[in-house]
Every structure is written in structure tokens, then in C-alpha cells.
Amino acid sequence: MDPYSAEGELINIHNHFHQGQYQEVVDYDVSTLSPENELPARVLQLRARIALGQAEDALADVTGEKEPELQAIAALAEQALGNSDKAVGIIEKLTEAGTDNTTVQVVGGTVLQAAGKSEEALALLSQHQGSLDAIALIVQIHLQQNRNDLAVKEVTAARRWAQDSLLVNLAESWVGLRLGGEKYQQAFYVFEELAQAPATSSVRSLVSQAVAELHLGRTEEAQAALDQALKKDPKFAEAIANLLVLNVIAGKDGVEQKSLLEATDAQHPLLVDLAEKSDLFDKAASKYSAKASA
């Protein structure tokens, strides 16, 4: 049985992880789990600790471990600490020994994608055997590649055999935000339900709700969701970035949010994109000079 299925004993900790409730994952009581599920649960808890900014501690916990799952976690921690080449090297070494380990596929795919190796990540993830975690990551990569058609194909196929899965609902909502139209509202329903229910709410689901509200033109509701998110975590970069976007859309000054984002995550994709566009503008403007009339 898939330990993450509705009948599996890891369904709750797995859902906590993908709902962005990382502290709940770390605090989850694993003492009653069956022996075969102890390692998958440990992997989820280690991934949650890395997501919470505790990569150094997670790396210390798995240093010297022989299980490929834990070596993959070491690579993920190295990636989070900025040691991309070392992280990729670990994953490449693991995959040389075989690619049939689902954790190595998913965590390795995450590391490779973060290192800008999308095709290598997809090649590894494509080896999965019915892993919704792998499918969700494949969908994210295709969306980053602007291959909406391939993302839709993955979600449609998964929907046929995992109708009520949280991950399928989330992946379908990510795609919906890219496709637009009536899909915006459908995505909103999923994110809003997660964000506003006390049992499933997290800073990430609140930001997702805010993004959906923005696409629907509901700026006040987006502001409220982002305020909730920042109340939970004032330094959550995605909330700050989307508040900056919201302020620009609303015609407000975004200087404060931009400065805060620079202090929180200087390499955030929004800042990198703004810097690149500013540089392109300066280069274009330098080709022209004012001409004085005689």
C-alpha cells in the first residue's frame, strides 16, 4: 500500500507537508508508526526542517547515513545552504546506482531543478511509478518552462486515478492560475478552503489564496490574505513579494516592500527579474541621446 494514500498511516503528515504546515510535520508524533513507515516519515520531517530554514541541523542529522533517502536529504540541505554543485554531485552519484527510489527521484528532482538542470530533473522524475509527489514536481517544472500543455497532460492523467488527492487538487490549481479565465475561480476555491480552515491553514496557502484573488481583480481580499500570511510569518519572502506586486497594481509605493524583500531574500526571483529588466532598459536607453536643436 502507498503509505501516502488515503488508507495509509502517513496521509496526515504528508498532507501537512504539502499544505505548507512544516512545523506540524516536525512536531508530528511518529512513535506509533509501523517500522516500514519510519523512514518515509523521517524524510518528510527532515524536508520540513529544511523548508523552515534549519538546513544545517538537518544536514548534521543525516551526515554519515547510508540510506539513499537520507543521502538525498543531505543533497537537499546542501542546496539550501548554497552548495549547489555539491548537492548535484550527491544526486548524480545516487542515480548512478539506480533511479527506482521514489525519494531519490523526488528530492533529486528538486535539487536538479533548483540548480537549473530542468531536463535532468524531468528525466529522473519520469522514472516514477505512480508517485503523486513526482507528478506534482513535474507539473511545477513544466509550468516554469511555460509548457502549459505538458502540465495539463500530467494533471489530467493523474486525475484519472487519484481523484480526491490533495496533491492533484493543488497541481490542478497551479495550472489553473496559468491558464486563466474560469480556472482562476476554480483555483481560488481550492486555496481559499485550505487557507481559511484552521486545520489546514498555513502562510503558503494564504499566499496562494492572495495570488488567486489578485488574478480575479479582488485587491482588497488579496490584501487581507497577505496580511494574514505576514502575521503568521513577517519574513516570508513570497508574502512580501506578492504584497509588492499588489501595491504596484493598486498604484501604491512599493519601496518599503522591495527593501524588506531585499533584506529577506536578496536573490528572490522577483528581485532578479526586476534587476534584469532594469539593466535591459538602461542598455536600450543608452542607444539614444538627446539632440540639441540648432
Protein backbone atom coordinates (compact mmCIF):
# COMPACT_ATOMS: atom_id res chain seq x y z
CA MET A 1 0.00 0.00 0.00
CA ASP A 2 1.15 3.53 -0.78
CA PRO A 3 1.89 4.99 2.68
CA TYR A 4 0.63 8.36 1.46
CA SER A 5 -2.71 7.03 0.20
CA ALA A 6 -5.99 7.77 1.96
CA GLU A 7 -5.70 4.40 3.69
CA GLY A 8 -2.02 4.80 4.59
CA GLU A 9 -0.85 5.87 8.03
CA LEU A 10 1.28 8.73 6.66
CA ILE A 11 -1.59 10.54 4.97
CA ASN A 12 -1.86 13.23 7.65
CA ILE A 13 1.84 14.10 7.93
CA HIS A 14 2.09 14.01 4.13
CA ASN A 15 -0.84 16.41 3.77
CA HIS A 16 0.64 18.72 6.41
CA PHE A 17 3.82 18.89 4.34
CA HIS A 18 2.11 19.78 1.08
CA GLN A 19 -0.18 22.27 2.82
CA GLY A 20 2.95 24.11 3.93
CA GLN A 21 2.39 23.27 7.60
CA TYR A 22 6.03 22.47 8.18
CA GLN A 23 6.06 22.91 11.94
CA GLU A 24 3.18 20.46 12.24
CA VAL A 25 5.26 17.98 10.24
CA VAL A 26 8.26 18.44 12.53
CA ASP A 27 6.08 18.05 15.63
CA TYR A 28 4.12 15.07 14.31
CA ASP A 29 4.05 12.08 16.65
CA VAL A 30 5.74 9.24 14.77
CA SER A 31 6.08 6.90 17.75
CA THR A 32 3.14 4.73 16.71
CA LEU A 33 4.13 4.29 13.07
CA SER A 34 4.87 0.85 11.69
CA PRO A 35 8.58 0.13 11.08
CA GLU A 36 8.29 0.38 7.29
CA ASN A 37 6.94 3.93 7.57
CA GLU A 38 9.52 5.30 9.99
CA LEU A 39 11.99 6.26 7.23
CA PRO A 40 9.39 7.96 4.95
CA ALA A 41 8.16 9.94 7.96
CA ARG A 42 11.71 10.92 8.90
CA VAL A 43 12.31 12.10 5.33
CA LEU A 44 9.22 14.32 5.47
CA GLN A 45 10.30 15.77 8.81
CA LEU A 46 13.80 16.49 7.53
CA ARG A 47 12.41 18.16 4.40
CA ALA A 48 10.14 20.26 6.61
CA ARG A 49 13.08 21.34 8.77
CA ILE A 50 14.98 22.41 5.66
CA ALA A 51 11.93 24.37 4.49
CA LEU A 52 11.89 26.08 7.90
CA GLY A 53 15.47 27.25 7.42
CA GLN A 54 17.09 24.53 9.52
CA ALA A 55 19.23 23.06 6.75
CA GLU A 56 22.42 22.95 8.84
CA ASP A 57 20.72 20.93 11.58
CA ALA A 58 19.11 18.60 9.04
CA LEU A 59 22.46 18.04 7.34
CA ALA A 60 24.09 17.22 10.67
CA ASP A 61 21.36 14.65 11.35
CA VAL A 62 21.98 12.72 8.14
CA THR A 63 25.76 13.03 7.79
CA GLY A 64 27.24 9.55 7.56
CA GLU A 65 23.91 7.82 6.90
CA LYS A 66 23.92 5.05 4.28
CA GLU A 67 20.28 5.01 3.19
CA PRO A 68 19.91 6.64 -0.25
CA GLU A 69 16.85 8.53 1.01
CA LEU A 70 18.90 10.24 3.70
CA GLN A 71 21.79 10.91 1.34
CA ALA A 72 19.26 12.64 -0.93
CA ILE A 73 18.19 14.74 2.04
CA ALA A 74 21.84 15.68 2.57
CA ALA A 75 21.89 16.95 -1.02
CA LEU A 76 18.72 18.96 -0.43
CA ALA A 77 20.26 20.53 2.67
CA GLU A 78 23.45 21.38 0.78
CA GLN A 79 21.34 23.01 -1.94
CA ALA A 80 19.52 25.09 0.68
CA LEU A 81 22.88 26.17 2.12
CA GLY A 82 24.02 27.40 -1.28
CA ASN A 83 26.29 24.48 -2.12
CA SER A 84 24.62 23.69 -5.44
CA ASP A 85 27.50 21.84 -7.11
CA LYS A 86 27.98 19.58 -4.12
CA ALA A 87 24.25 18.88 -3.94
CA VAL A 88 24.06 17.97 -7.62
CA GLY A 89 27.13 15.75 -7.24
CA ILE A 90 25.45 13.76 -4.46
CA ILE A 91 22.31 13.23 -6.54
CA GLU A 92 24.28 12.22 -9.63
CA LYS A 93 26.19 9.67 -7.58
CA LEU A 94 22.96 8.28 -6.14
CA THR A 95 21.34 7.94 -9.55
CA GLU A 96 24.35 6.09 -10.91
CA ALA A 97 23.40 3.28 -8.55
CA GLY A 98 19.80 3.24 -9.82
CA THR A 99 16.79 5.51 -10.23
CA ASP A 100 13.97 3.37 -8.82
CA ASN A 101 13.93 5.00 -5.36
CA THR A 102 10.96 7.36 -5.16
CA THR A 103 12.55 9.62 -2.54
CA VAL A 104 15.71 9.94 -4.60
CA GLN A 105 13.57 10.75 -7.63
CA VAL A 106 11.56 13.49 -5.89
CA VAL A 107 14.28 15.03 -3.74
CA GLY A 108 16.83 14.61 -6.51
CA GLY A 109 14.47 16.24 -8.98
CA THR A 110 14.04 19.14 -6.58
CA VAL A 111 17.80 19.60 -6.27
CA LEU A 112 18.41 19.36 -10.02
CA GLN A 113 15.64 21.83 -10.83
CA ALA A 114 16.95 24.29 -8.26
CA ALA A 115 20.35 24.01 -9.94
CA GLY A 116 18.83 24.91 -13.31
CA LYS A 117 19.01 21.37 -14.67
CA SER A 118 15.38 21.03 -15.73
CA GLU A 119 15.84 18.32 -18.33
CA GLU A 120 17.90 16.19 -15.96
CA ALA A 121 15.26 16.67 -13.28
CA LEU A 122 12.47 15.62 -15.63
CA ALA A 123 14.45 12.59 -16.80
CA LEU A 124 14.85 11.44 -13.19
CA LEU A 125 11.25 12.17 -12.22
CA SER A 126 9.91 10.34 -15.26
CA GLN A 127 11.14 7.08 -13.71
CA HIS A 128 8.45 7.22 -11.02
CA GLN A 129 5.85 4.51 -10.62
CA GLY A 130 2.65 6.26 -9.60
CA SER A 131 4.16 8.88 -7.29
CA LEU A 132 1.96 11.95 -6.89
CA ASP A 133 4.90 13.80 -5.35
CA ALA A 134 6.85 13.24 -8.57
CA ILE A 135 3.88 14.26 -10.71
CA ALA A 136 3.40 17.49 -8.73
CA LEU A 137 7.06 18.41 -9.22
CA ILE A 138 6.88 17.57 -12.93
CA VAL A 139 3.89 19.92 -13.23
CA GLN A 140 5.80 22.72 -11.49
CA ILE A 141 8.78 22.27 -13.80
CA HIS A 142 6.61 22.31 -16.92
CA LEU A 143 4.92 25.50 -15.72
CA GLN A 144 8.32 27.12 -15.18
CA GLN A 145 9.20 26.08 -18.72
CA ASN A 146 5.97 27.69 -19.99
CA ARG A 147 4.85 24.28 -21.25
CA ASN A 148 1.27 24.57 -20.06
CA ASP A 149 0.25 21.80 -22.44
CA LEU A 150 2.53 19.27 -20.75
CA ALA A 151 1.46 20.40 -17.28
CA VAL A 152 -2.20 19.93 -18.24
CA LYS A 153 -1.40 16.48 -19.61
CA GLU A 154 0.23 15.40 -16.34
CA VAL A 155 -2.65 16.66 -14.20
CA THR A 156 -5.31 15.14 -16.43
CA ALA A 157 -3.63 11.73 -16.32
CA ALA A 158 -3.21 11.86 -12.52
CA ARG A 159 -6.83 12.91 -12.04
CA ARG A 160 -7.98 9.63 -13.57
CA TRP A 161 -6.51 7.51 -10.77
CA ALA A 162 -6.16 9.96 -7.85
CA GLN A 163 -9.45 11.80 -7.98
CA ASP A 164 -9.55 13.10 -4.39
CA SER A 165 -5.84 13.64 -3.79
CA LEU A 166 -4.73 16.90 -2.20
CA LEU A 167 -1.68 16.98 -4.48
CA VAL A 168 -3.78 16.59 -7.62
CA ASN A 169 -6.07 19.38 -6.46
CA LEU A 170 -3.06 21.61 -5.81
CA ALA A 171 -1.40 20.78 -9.13
CA GLU A 172 -4.64 21.41 -10.99
CA SER A 173 -4.90 24.79 -9.23
CA TRP A 174 -1.32 25.75 -10.17
CA VAL A 175 -2.18 25.01 -13.78
CA GLY A 176 -5.45 26.91 -13.44
CA LEU A 177 -3.64 30.06 -12.35
CA ARG A 178 -1.54 29.82 -15.51
CA LEU A 179 -4.44 29.09 -17.87
CA GLY A 180 -6.69 31.85 -16.51
CA GLY A 181 -10.33 32.52 -17.32
CA GLU A 182 -12.76 30.46 -15.28
CA LYS A 183 -9.80 28.44 -13.98
CA TYR A 184 -8.91 31.36 -11.70
CA GLN A 185 -12.10 30.87 -9.71
CA GLN A 186 -11.63 27.12 -9.51
CA ALA A 187 -8.10 27.60 -8.18
CA PHE A 188 -9.34 30.16 -5.70
CA TYR A 189 -11.83 27.69 -4.21
CA VAL A 190 -9.04 25.18 -3.52
CA PHE A 191 -6.62 27.69 -2.00
CA GLU A 192 -9.27 29.55 -0.02
CA GLU A 193 -10.56 26.33 1.54
CA LEU A 194 -7.05 25.38 2.64
CA ALA A 195 -6.12 28.87 3.81
CA GLN A 196 -9.17 29.61 5.92
CA ALA A 197 -9.70 26.27 7.67
CA PRO A 198 -7.75 26.22 10.96
CA ALA A 199 -6.71 22.60 10.43
CA THR A 200 -5.09 23.27 7.05
CA SER A 201 -4.14 26.95 7.06
CA SER A 202 -0.54 27.98 6.52
CA VAL A 203 1.39 31.00 5.33
CA ARG A 204 1.80 29.32 1.94
CA SER A 205 -1.89 28.57 1.45
CA LEU A 206 -2.72 32.17 2.40
CA VAL A 207 -0.29 33.50 -0.21
CA SER A 208 -1.79 31.13 -2.78
CA GLN A 209 -5.25 32.44 -1.94
CA ALA A 210 -3.96 36.01 -2.32
CA VAL A 211 -2.50 35.24 -5.75
CA ALA A 212 -5.82 33.81 -6.88
CA GLU A 213 -7.62 36.90 -5.53
CA LEU A 214 -5.21 39.13 -7.47
CA HIS A 215 -5.93 37.28 -10.70
CA LEU A 216 -9.64 37.77 -10.04
CA GLY A 217 -9.13 41.51 -9.55
CA ARG A 218 -10.05 41.41 -5.87
CA THR A 219 -7.26 43.54 -4.43
CA GLU A 220 -8.84 44.15 -1.02
CA GLU A 221 -9.32 40.42 -0.45
CA ALA A 222 -5.76 39.79 -1.64
CA GLN A 223 -4.50 42.38 0.83
CA ALA A 224 -6.41 40.68 3.67
CA ALA A 225 -4.95 37.27 2.83
CA LEU A 226 -1.40 38.67 2.63
CA ASP A 227 -1.89 40.47 5.94
CA GLN A 228 -2.86 37.13 7.49
CA ALA A 229 0.19 35.47 5.96
CA LEU A 230 2.58 38.14 7.20
CA LYS A 231 1.03 37.96 10.66
CA LYS A 232 1.96 34.27 10.72
CA ASP A 233 5.47 34.90 9.33
CA PRO A 234 6.60 38.52 8.85
CA LYS A 235 9.71 37.39 6.95
CA PHE A 236 8.06 35.03 4.47
CA ALA A 237 9.55 36.15 1.17
CA GLU A 238 6.65 35.06 -1.06
CA ALA A 239 4.18 37.07 1.01
CA ILE A 240 6.41 40.16 0.84
CA ALA A 241 6.94 39.74 -2.91
CA ASN A 242 3.23 39.44 -3.61
CA LEU A 243 2.49 42.43 -1.39
CA LEU A 244 4.96 44.40 -3.50
CA VAL A 245 3.13 43.29 -6.64
CA LEU A 246 -0.22 44.18 -5.07
CA ASN A 247 0.97 47.68 -4.17
CA VAL A 248 2.17 48.29 -7.72
CA ILE A 249 -1.16 47.10 -9.13
CA ALA A 250 -3.01 49.36 -6.69
CA GLY A 251 -0.82 52.34 -7.64
CA LYS A 252 0.87 52.49 -4.25
CA ASP A 253 4.53 52.95 -3.39
CA GLY A 254 6.30 49.60 -3.15
CA VAL A 255 9.66 50.87 -1.95
CA GLU A 256 9.20 49.59 1.60
CA GLN A 257 8.24 46.08 0.42
CA LYS A 258 11.11 45.98 -2.05
CA SER A 259 13.62 46.92 0.66
CA LEU A 260 12.15 44.32 3.01
CA LEU A 261 12.33 41.65 0.29
CA GLU A 262 15.97 42.55 -0.41
CA ALA A 263 16.74 42.12 3.28
CA THR A 264 14.82 38.84 3.50
CA ASP A 265 15.87 37.15 0.25
CA ALA A 266 18.24 39.16 -1.92
CA GLN A 267 18.09 36.52 -4.68
CA HIS A 268 14.32 36.24 -4.81
CA PRO A 269 13.16 35.64 -8.41
CA LEU A 270 11.12 38.86 -8.41
CA LEU A 271 14.19 40.93 -7.50
CA VAL A 272 16.35 39.10 -10.03
CA ASP A 273 13.74 39.72 -12.72
CA LEU A 274 13.43 43.41 -11.82
CA ALA A 275 17.21 43.82 -11.93
CA GLU A 276 17.43 42.12 -15.33
CA LYS A 277 14.67 44.31 -16.78
CA SER A 278 16.25 47.45 -15.33
CA ASP A 279 19.56 46.51 -16.94
CA LEU A 280 17.87 45.89 -20.30
CA PHE A 281 16.13 49.27 -20.08
CA ASP A 282 19.41 51.03 -19.31
CA LYS A 283 21.09 49.34 -22.28
CA ALA A 284 18.25 50.33 -24.59
CA ALA A 285 18.21 53.90 -23.28
CA SER A 286 21.98 54.24 -23.77
CA LYS A 287 21.50 53.86 -27.53
CA TYR A 288 19.65 57.13 -27.64
CA SER A 289 20.86 60.60 -26.71
CA ALA A 290 19.11 63.93 -26.67
CA LYS A 291 19.85 66.11 -29.66
CA ALA A 292 20.05 69.86 -29.25
CA SER A 293 18.30 71.86 -31.96
CA ALA A 294 20.38 74.40 -33.90
